[in-house]
Each structure stands twice: as C-alpha cells, then as structure tokens.
Amino acid sequence: MIFILLRKIALPIALIVAWVGVTLVAYFKFNENEKARIEYVTEIAMKFEGDIARIEAMEEEAKRLAEEIELKEQERERAEAAAKASRGNATSRGGSRTDRASSNVVYYEELGIDVADYEIEMLERIVQAEAGGSGYDGMLAVANVVLNRVKYERFPNTVEEVIFAQKQFTPISDGRYYTVTVSDTAKQVVADALNGARILDEDALYFCTPTAPGKGWFETSLRKITYIAPHNFYGYY
C-alpha cells in the first residue's frame, strides 16, 4: 500500500524538482546575462564620456589657436599697413619713385647700384626674416642674392622692388618681414654687403631650404651653386 502510494507521488515530486531546477538555472542564467549587459552598457557609457571630454578639450584648443592666429594676423596687418605707409608706392623696373628723389640715395661703387636710405632697413629686414637664425654667413648669402638681383636684367633694379616682387620672398607673403626684430648682426651684414662683402658670386640669384615645398622647380630649372645654412643657392645655367 505504501509502495503504491509512493509510486503515485514520486512522479509529481520529480516533476516539481525538475521544474524548480530548470527555474533556478534560468534565473541564474538570466542574471548572468543581465550582469554582462549592464557591464557592457557601463563600459560604453564610460567610453562615450571620455570621447565627449576629448572633444571638448579639442574644441577648447581649436578656439585658443583661432584666437592666437587672429591676434597675430591683426598684428601683421598693423605692421604691414605701417610699413606700406612709410615706403609709398613703387613703380616697375626703370621707373622712378615719387619719394625716392627726396631720400638719401647712395651709389655703391663696389656694387654699381643706387640704394636709398629706407631700402637699407628693408634689406636688413629681409635678411633677418630669411636667415636670422643662421649666423653671419647665411645672412650675407641672402643679402648677396638680393643685391645680385638688383643688377640682373630679369629682376627689378631697386632693392625695394626686388624684395617686394610678387611671390619671391616667403617672409613678405607670410608676414614675418613685418614683425621681425632686426639684430645687430643683420645690420652689420647689410653694411658689409653694400660695401662689397661677398660669400656668393654675382650669378647666385635664388635660394630655398632643402625641405621647401617648391624645391623641385629649383632643382630642375636652375643650377645649384652651393649650400650655406639654411639654404641651397642657385643660378641660371
């Protein structure tokens, strides 16, 4: 009788135990998956917050750089306006300047050219801007090129017109010419060059740095003469 009773209740009990087991397994599995999902979402959220912080930092840096560029541009424009006002309007090769006649123009016999007093400062500025960190030789080489161009028929015949010829000297286009502080060395170099000091012959008419973007034209169209830091110097074939 007891055996029969046990047989009758055994199956329901087994089913109940099985159901409880399945339920527990599903429960723990669900919790495990839920935990993984929570960890994943948390990781994504933290990464997103980090990205936002980086973006905000980049925006702040971009804003700072924009303000810095704007200030430098304003400074360059003021300096350029002042320089233009002081030098007046230049004419083409062979022409005369309205203010040149009233300036102190000196004929430099060693060079065979006339140089106005205001052009000396221009020459000092371009020498400083192009080669200010190179020392005496590098600065003298730049001065020689400018003065060589004054005498050469393919270029204008005044120091000013050579310096401000379109797309010839980078410091003119990028504004460095107007903002440099001329050193005593640059002044001495210009004085020496005007009195005939040379480190390059009269055929040196171009220069560029070895890493200049337009170096290819110099290398293929011109004859390389020498290197005097920080420039390669070239002339015509």
Protein backbone atom coordinates (compact mmCIF):
# COMPACT_ATOMS: atom_id res chain seq x y z
CA MET A 1 0.00 0.00 0.00
CA ILE A 2 2.81 2.40 0.96
CA PHE A 3 4.74 1.35 -2.12
CA ILE A 4 1.79 2.13 -4.35
CA LEU A 5 1.34 5.49 -2.62
CA LEU A 6 4.99 6.33 -3.10
CA ARG A 7 4.76 5.46 -6.79
CA LYS A 8 1.80 7.81 -7.16
CA ILE A 9 3.55 10.81 -5.59
CA ALA A 10 7.04 10.14 -6.94
CA LEU A 11 6.29 11.43 -10.43
CA PRO A 12 4.75 14.73 -9.31
CA ILE A 13 7.62 15.28 -6.92
CA ALA A 14 10.13 14.56 -9.69
CA LEU A 15 8.35 16.98 -11.96
CA ILE A 16 8.31 19.63 -9.26
CA VAL A 17 12.04 19.15 -8.58
CA ALA A 18 12.79 19.30 -12.30
CA TRP A 19 10.73 22.46 -12.68
CA VAL A 20 12.46 24.09 -9.72
CA GLY A 21 15.85 23.10 -11.16
CA VAL A 22 15.04 24.50 -14.57
CA THR A 23 13.69 27.65 -12.98
CA LEU A 24 16.84 28.13 -10.91
CA VAL A 25 19.09 27.54 -13.89
CA ALA A 26 17.11 30.02 -15.99
CA TYR A 27 17.18 32.51 -13.13
CA PHE A 28 20.94 32.37 -12.68
CA LYS A 29 21.49 32.37 -16.43
CA PHE A 30 19.26 35.41 -16.77
CA ASN A 31 21.14 37.21 -14.00
CA GLU A 32 24.47 36.34 -15.59
CA ASN A 33 23.37 37.73 -18.95
CA GLU A 34 21.85 40.77 -17.31
CA LYS A 35 25.10 41.42 -15.46
CA ALA A 36 27.05 41.15 -18.70
CA ARG A 37 24.67 43.56 -20.37
CA ILE A 38 24.99 46.02 -17.51
CA GLU A 39 28.79 45.81 -17.65
CA TYR A 40 28.74 46.34 -21.42
CA VAL A 41 26.41 49.34 -21.20
CA THR A 42 28.55 50.80 -18.40
CA GLU A 43 31.70 50.36 -20.48
CA ILE A 44 30.09 52.08 -23.48
CA ALA A 45 28.86 54.93 -21.29
CA MET A 46 32.34 55.47 -19.80
CA LYS A 47 33.91 55.44 -23.25
CA PHE A 48 31.29 57.89 -24.50
CA GLU A 49 32.00 60.21 -21.58
CA GLY A 50 35.73 60.01 -22.39
CA ASP A 51 35.04 60.86 -26.03
CA ILE A 52 32.95 63.84 -25.00
CA ALA A 53 35.76 65.07 -22.74
CA ARG A 54 38.30 64.73 -25.54
CA ILE A 55 36.03 66.53 -28.00
CA GLU A 56 35.52 69.36 -25.54
CA ALA A 57 39.28 69.61 -24.99
CA MET A 58 39.85 69.70 -28.76
CA GLU A 59 37.24 72.42 -29.16
CA GLU A 60 38.91 74.49 -26.46
CA GLU A 61 42.32 74.05 -28.12
CA ALA A 62 40.91 74.97 -31.52
CA LYS A 63 39.30 78.06 -30.03
CA ARG A 64 42.58 79.07 -28.38
CA LEU A 65 44.52 78.59 -31.61
CA ALA A 66 41.96 80.56 -33.60
CA GLU A 67 42.23 83.46 -31.16
CA GLU A 68 46.02 83.29 -31.30
CA ILE A 69 46.00 83.28 -35.12
CA GLU A 70 43.57 86.19 -35.19
CA LEU A 71 45.78 88.24 -32.86
CA LYS A 72 48.88 87.50 -34.95
CA GLU A 73 47.01 88.39 -38.13
CA GLN A 74 45.89 91.68 -36.64
CA GLU A 75 49.44 92.41 -35.55
CA ARG A 76 50.76 91.53 -39.01
CA GLU A 77 48.16 93.72 -40.73
CA ARG A 78 49.01 96.67 -38.48
CA ALA A 79 52.72 96.23 -39.14
CA GLU A 80 52.17 95.83 -42.87
CA ALA A 81 49.99 98.91 -43.04
CA ALA A 82 52.61 100.93 -41.19
CA ALA A 83 55.39 99.63 -43.44
CA LYS A 84 53.40 100.37 -46.61
CA ALA A 85 52.59 103.84 -45.41
CA SER A 86 56.25 104.53 -44.79
CA ARG A 87 57.54 103.27 -48.11
CA GLY A 88 54.88 104.60 -50.50
CA ASN A 89 54.10 103.16 -53.91
CA ALA A 90 56.82 101.54 -56.01
CA THR A 91 56.87 101.53 -59.83
CA SER A 92 58.07 98.91 -62.29
CA ARG A 93 61.66 98.41 -63.47
CA GLY A 94 63.19 101.56 -64.97
CA GLY A 95 60.59 103.85 -63.36
CA SER A 96 61.12 106.39 -60.62
CA ARG A 97 59.67 106.61 -57.13
CA THR A 98 57.79 109.69 -56.02
CA ASP A 99 59.63 109.61 -52.67
CA ARG A 100 62.99 108.32 -53.94
CA ALA A 101 64.15 111.76 -55.07
CA SER A 102 63.64 113.12 -51.58
CA SER A 103 65.53 110.24 -49.98
CA ASN A 104 69.23 109.90 -49.39
CA VAL A 105 70.30 107.73 -52.33
CA VAL A 106 73.86 106.47 -52.25
CA TYR A 107 75.76 104.98 -55.18
CA TYR A 108 77.70 101.93 -54.01
CA GLU A 109 80.66 101.77 -56.35
CA GLU A 110 81.64 98.21 -55.38
CA LEU A 111 78.20 97.00 -56.47
CA GLY A 112 77.39 99.52 -59.16
CA ILE A 113 73.90 100.23 -57.79
CA ASP A 114 72.00 103.04 -56.09
CA VAL A 115 70.44 102.31 -52.70
CA ALA A 116 68.10 104.69 -50.91
CA ASP A 117 68.39 105.08 -47.15
CA TYR A 118 64.97 103.48 -46.49
CA GLU A 119 65.96 100.47 -48.61
CA ILE A 120 68.77 99.67 -46.19
CA GLU A 121 66.21 98.90 -43.49
CA MET A 122 64.23 96.80 -45.99
CA LEU A 123 67.34 94.80 -46.79
CA GLU A 124 68.06 94.34 -43.08
CA ARG A 125 64.52 93.06 -42.52
CA ILE A 126 64.54 90.53 -45.35
CA VAL A 127 67.96 89.27 -44.30
CA GLN A 128 66.77 88.86 -40.71
CA ALA A 129 63.50 87.19 -41.74
CA GLU A 130 65.12 84.77 -44.20
CA ALA A 131 68.26 83.80 -42.29
CA GLY A 132 68.16 85.34 -38.83
CA GLY A 133 68.99 82.09 -37.08
CA SER A 134 71.83 81.04 -39.38
CA GLY A 135 74.67 83.35 -38.40
CA TYR A 136 76.75 85.81 -40.41
CA ASP A 137 77.47 83.65 -43.49
CA GLY A 138 73.86 82.60 -44.05
CA MET A 139 72.66 86.19 -43.70
CA LEU A 140 75.37 87.55 -46.01
CA ALA A 141 74.40 84.99 -48.65
CA VAL A 142 70.79 86.25 -48.62
CA ALA A 143 71.96 89.87 -48.87
CA ASN A 144 74.19 88.93 -51.83
CA VAL A 145 71.24 87.36 -53.66
CA VAL A 146 69.04 90.43 -53.20
CA LEU A 147 71.77 92.77 -54.41
CA ASN A 148 72.64 90.45 -57.30
CA ARG A 149 69.05 90.63 -58.47
CA VAL A 150 69.11 94.43 -58.46
CA LYS A 151 71.87 94.26 -61.08
CA TYR A 152 70.42 91.39 -63.10
CA GLU A 153 68.20 92.29 -66.05
CA ARG A 154 65.48 89.75 -65.30
CA PHE A 155 64.67 91.46 -61.99
CA PRO A 156 63.68 94.98 -60.90
CA ASN A 157 66.54 97.45 -60.50
CA THR A 158 65.92 98.68 -56.95
CA VAL A 159 66.31 96.93 -53.62
CA GLU A 160 62.72 97.67 -52.70
CA GLU A 161 61.23 96.33 -55.91
CA VAL A 162 63.32 93.18 -55.71
CA ILE A 163 62.23 92.50 -52.13
CA PHE A 164 58.54 93.16 -52.77
CA ALA A 165 58.31 91.46 -56.17
CA GLN A 166 55.32 89.12 -56.21
CA LYS A 167 55.85 85.61 -54.80
CA GLN A 168 59.62 85.93 -54.44
CA PHE A 169 60.34 86.01 -50.72
CA THR A 170 58.27 83.96 -48.29
CA PRO A 171 58.58 86.40 -45.34
CA ILE A 172 56.73 89.00 -47.40
CA SER A 173 53.76 86.71 -48.08
CA ASP A 174 53.55 85.17 -44.60
CA GLY A 175 54.14 88.47 -42.77
CA ARG A 176 57.38 87.65 -40.95
CA TYR A 177 59.13 90.52 -42.71
CA TYR A 178 56.91 92.98 -40.89
CA THR A 179 57.32 91.54 -37.40
CA VAL A 180 60.99 90.56 -37.10
CA THR A 181 63.35 92.38 -34.78
CA VAL A 182 66.46 93.25 -36.75
CA SER A 183 69.61 92.10 -34.96
CA ASP A 184 72.95 93.90 -34.83
CA THR A 185 74.36 91.06 -36.91
CA ALA A 186 71.84 91.68 -39.68
CA LYS A 187 72.71 95.38 -39.69
CA GLN A 188 76.40 94.58 -39.90
CA VAL A 189 75.82 92.06 -42.69
CA VAL A 190 73.91 94.60 -44.77
CA ALA A 191 76.54 97.28 -44.22
CA ASP A 192 79.27 94.85 -45.26
CA ALA A 193 77.32 93.61 -48.30
CA LEU A 194 76.71 97.15 -49.52
CA ASN A 195 80.45 97.76 -49.26
CA GLY A 196 81.22 94.74 -51.40
CA ALA A 197 81.44 91.84 -48.94
CA ARG A 198 80.61 88.56 -50.66
CA ILE A 199 80.19 84.92 -49.87
CA LEU A 200 78.46 84.24 -53.22
CA ASP A 201 79.31 85.39 -56.74
CA GLU A 202 77.01 87.54 -58.84
CA ASP A 203 75.41 84.51 -60.52
CA ALA A 204 73.63 83.49 -57.29
CA LEU A 205 70.04 84.65 -57.78
CA TYR A 206 67.79 82.17 -55.95
CA PHE A 207 67.70 80.24 -52.72
CA CYS A 208 65.44 77.85 -50.85
CA THR A 209 65.65 75.50 -47.90
CA PRO A 210 66.33 71.82 -48.70
CA THR A 211 62.82 70.92 -47.49
CA ALA A 212 60.93 73.74 -49.25
CA PRO A 213 57.66 72.63 -50.96
CA GLY A 214 58.77 74.15 -54.27
CA LYS A 215 62.28 72.71 -54.19
CA GLY A 216 61.61 70.59 -57.28
CA TRP A 217 61.48 73.65 -59.55
CA PHE A 218 64.80 74.92 -58.22
CA GLU A 219 66.44 71.53 -58.76
CA THR A 220 65.16 71.03 -62.32
CA SER A 221 65.16 74.59 -63.68
CA LEU A 222 68.25 76.10 -62.07
CA ARG A 223 71.89 75.30 -61.46
CA LYS A 224 72.72 74.57 -57.84
CA ILE A 225 75.72 76.59 -56.69
CA THR A 226 76.22 75.71 -53.05
CA TYR A 227 74.65 75.19 -49.66
CA ILE A 228 75.05 77.79 -46.91
CA ALA A 229 72.84 77.02 -43.94
CA PRO A 230 69.92 77.11 -44.00
CA HIS A 231 69.58 77.48 -47.80
CA ASN A 232 70.58 75.95 -51.10
CA PHE A 233 71.64 78.66 -53.57
CA TYR A 234 71.00 78.59 -57.31
CA GLY A 235 71.68 80.46 -60.51
CA TYR A 236 70.78 80.16 -64.18
CA TYR A 237 72.53 77.70 -66.47
